[in-house]
Amino acid sequence: MRATRLSLMVLLVVLAFVLWNAAWVTDRCGEWTAALDEAEAALAQGTVVCLRKEGAR
């Protein structure tokens, strides 16, 4: 019984991490899409696009 409980706890921790990671990636995907849309709009207008460093907010 104890081994089963430990296995379930490990699976729950892994599941929690996977769900947290999926939410984080989904959130970042929205930011990346917005930045790409901004760059594409600037290029369509012929203006200079200023790229941000990786990790800069």
N, C-alpha and C. Protein backbone atom coordinates (compact mmCIF):
# COMPACT_ATOMS: atom_id res chain seq x y z
N MET A 1 0.82 -1.20 0.00
CA MET A 1 0.00 0.00 0.00
C MET A 1 0.87 1.27 0.00
N ARG A 2 1.95 1.21 0.76
CA ARG A 2 2.81 2.38 0.84
C ARG A 2 3.49 2.68 -0.50
N ALA A 3 3.89 1.63 -1.20
CA ALA A 3 4.52 1.82 -2.51
C ALA A 3 3.53 2.42 -3.50
N THR A 4 2.28 2.01 -3.41
CA THR A 4 1.25 2.56 -4.29
C THR A 4 1.03 4.04 -4.00
N ARG A 5 1.02 4.39 -2.72
CA ARG A 5 0.82 5.78 -2.33
C ARG A 5 1.97 6.66 -2.82
N LEU A 6 3.19 6.16 -2.70
CA LEU A 6 4.36 6.90 -3.18
C LEU A 6 4.30 7.08 -4.69
N SER A 7 3.94 6.03 -5.39
CA SER A 7 3.84 6.11 -6.85
C SER A 7 2.79 7.13 -7.27
N LEU A 8 1.66 7.13 -6.59
CA LEU A 8 0.61 8.09 -6.91
C LEU A 8 1.05 9.52 -6.62
N MET A 9 1.78 9.72 -5.55
CA MET A 9 2.26 11.07 -5.24
C MET A 9 3.25 11.56 -6.30
N VAL A 10 4.13 10.67 -6.74
CA VAL A 10 5.07 11.05 -7.80
C VAL A 10 4.32 11.39 -9.07
N LEU A 11 3.33 10.60 -9.43
CA LEU A 11 2.54 10.88 -10.63
C LEU A 11 1.79 12.19 -10.50
N LEU A 12 1.27 12.49 -9.33
CA LEU A 12 0.56 13.77 -9.13
C LEU A 12 1.50 14.95 -9.24
N VAL A 13 2.71 14.81 -8.71
CA VAL A 13 3.70 15.89 -8.82
C VAL A 13 4.08 16.11 -10.28
N VAL A 14 4.29 15.03 -11.02
CA VAL A 14 4.62 15.14 -12.44
C VAL A 14 3.46 15.77 -13.21
N LEU A 15 2.25 15.36 -12.91
CA LEU A 15 1.07 15.93 -13.57
C LEU A 15 0.95 17.43 -13.28
N ALA A 16 1.18 17.82 -12.03
CA ALA A 16 1.12 19.25 -11.68
C ALA A 16 2.17 20.03 -12.46
N PHE A 17 3.38 19.48 -12.58
CA PHE A 17 4.42 20.16 -13.34
C PHE A 17 4.05 20.29 -14.81
N VAL A 18 3.53 19.23 -15.38
CA VAL A 18 3.15 19.24 -16.80
C VAL A 18 2.06 20.29 -17.04
N LEU A 19 1.09 20.36 -16.16
CA LEU A 19 0.01 21.35 -16.32
C LEU A 19 0.54 22.77 -16.16
N TRP A 20 1.43 22.98 -15.19
CA TRP A 20 2.03 24.31 -14.99
C TRP A 20 2.85 24.70 -16.22
N ASN A 21 3.64 23.77 -16.74
CA ASN A 21 4.46 24.04 -17.90
C ASN A 21 3.61 24.35 -19.13
N ALA A 22 2.52 23.62 -19.31
CA ALA A 22 1.63 23.88 -20.44
C ALA A 22 1.02 25.27 -20.35
N ALA A 23 0.63 25.67 -19.15
CA ALA A 23 0.06 27.02 -18.97
C ALA A 23 1.12 28.08 -19.25
N TRP A 24 2.35 27.86 -18.81
CA TRP A 24 3.42 28.83 -19.03
C TRP A 24 3.72 28.97 -20.52
N VAL A 25 3.82 27.85 -21.23
CA VAL A 25 4.12 27.88 -22.66
C VAL A 25 2.98 28.57 -23.42
N THR A 26 1.74 28.29 -23.04
CA THR A 26 0.60 28.93 -23.68
C THR A 26 0.64 30.44 -23.48
N ASP A 27 0.99 30.86 -22.27
CA ASP A 27 1.10 32.30 -21.99
C ASP A 27 2.21 32.93 -22.82
N ARG A 28 3.35 32.29 -22.86
CA ARG A 28 4.47 32.82 -23.65
C ARG A 28 4.16 32.82 -25.14
N CYS A 29 3.40 31.85 -25.60
CA CYS A 29 3.03 31.79 -27.01
C CYS A 29 2.24 33.03 -27.39
N GLY A 30 1.37 33.49 -26.50
CA GLY A 30 0.62 34.72 -26.75
C GLY A 30 1.54 35.92 -26.88
N GLU A 31 2.56 35.98 -26.02
CA GLU A 31 3.53 37.08 -26.09
C GLU A 31 4.33 37.02 -27.39
N TRP A 32 4.76 35.82 -27.77
CA TRP A 32 5.53 35.67 -29.00
C TRP A 32 4.69 36.03 -30.22
N THR A 33 3.42 35.64 -30.22
CA THR A 33 2.54 35.96 -31.33
C THR A 33 2.33 37.46 -31.44
N ALA A 34 2.15 38.12 -30.30
CA ALA A 34 1.98 39.58 -30.31
C ALA A 34 3.23 40.27 -30.84
N ALA A 35 4.40 39.81 -30.42
CA ALA A 35 5.65 40.41 -30.90
C ALA A 35 5.82 40.19 -32.40
N LEU A 36 5.47 39.01 -32.87
CA LEU A 36 5.57 38.72 -34.30
C LEU A 36 4.58 39.57 -35.10
N ASP A 37 3.37 39.72 -34.61
CA ASP A 37 2.39 40.56 -35.29
C ASP A 37 2.86 42.01 -35.36
N GLU A 38 3.47 42.48 -34.27
CA GLU A 38 4.00 43.84 -34.24
C GLU A 38 5.11 44.01 -35.27
N ALA A 39 6.00 43.04 -35.36
CA ALA A 39 7.11 43.12 -36.33
C ALA A 39 6.60 43.04 -37.76
N GLU A 40 5.63 42.17 -38.01
CA GLU A 40 5.07 42.07 -39.35
C GLU A 40 4.35 43.35 -39.76
N ALA A 41 3.63 43.97 -38.84
CA ALA A 41 2.95 45.23 -39.15
C ALA A 41 3.96 46.34 -39.45
N ALA A 42 5.04 46.37 -38.70
CA ALA A 42 6.08 47.38 -38.93
C ALA A 42 6.75 47.16 -40.29
N LEU A 43 7.00 45.90 -40.62
CA LEU A 43 7.62 45.62 -41.92
C LEU A 43 6.68 45.98 -43.07
N ALA A 44 5.39 45.75 -42.88
CA ALA A 44 4.42 46.08 -43.92
C ALA A 44 4.36 47.59 -44.16
N GLN A 45 4.61 48.36 -43.11
CA GLN A 45 4.60 49.82 -43.24
C GLN A 45 5.95 50.35 -43.70
N GLY A 46 6.96 49.49 -43.72
CA GLY A 46 8.28 49.91 -44.16
C GLY A 46 9.09 50.58 -43.08
N THR A 47 8.69 50.44 -41.84
CA THR A 47 9.44 51.06 -40.74
C THR A 47 10.48 50.08 -40.22
N VAL A 48 11.41 50.62 -39.45
CA VAL A 48 12.49 49.81 -38.88
C VAL A 48 11.95 49.05 -37.67
N VAL A 49 12.29 47.79 -37.60
CA VAL A 49 11.85 46.95 -36.48
C VAL A 49 12.99 46.84 -35.48
N CYS A 50 12.71 47.14 -34.23
CA CYS A 50 13.70 47.03 -33.17
C CYS A 50 13.43 45.72 -32.42
N LEU A 51 14.37 44.80 -32.49
CA LEU A 51 14.19 43.50 -31.84
C LEU A 51 14.65 43.58 -30.39
N ARG A 52 13.89 42.91 -29.53
CA ARG A 52 14.28 42.85 -28.12
C ARG A 52 15.17 41.64 -27.90
N LYS A 53 16.02 41.74 -26.88
CA LYS A 53 16.86 40.62 -26.52
C LYS A 53 16.00 39.49 -25.98
N GLU A 54 16.51 38.27 -26.13
CA GLU A 54 15.83 37.10 -25.58
C GLU A 54 15.74 37.24 -24.06
N GLY A 55 14.55 37.08 -23.54
CA GLY A 55 14.34 37.18 -22.10
C GLY A 55 14.01 38.57 -21.62
N ALA A 56 14.13 39.57 -22.46
CA ALA A 56 13.78 40.94 -22.07
C ALA A 56 12.28 41.11 -22.09
N ARG A 57 11.78 41.85 -21.14
CA ARG A 57 10.33 42.07 -21.09
C ARG A 57 10.01 43.52 -21.20
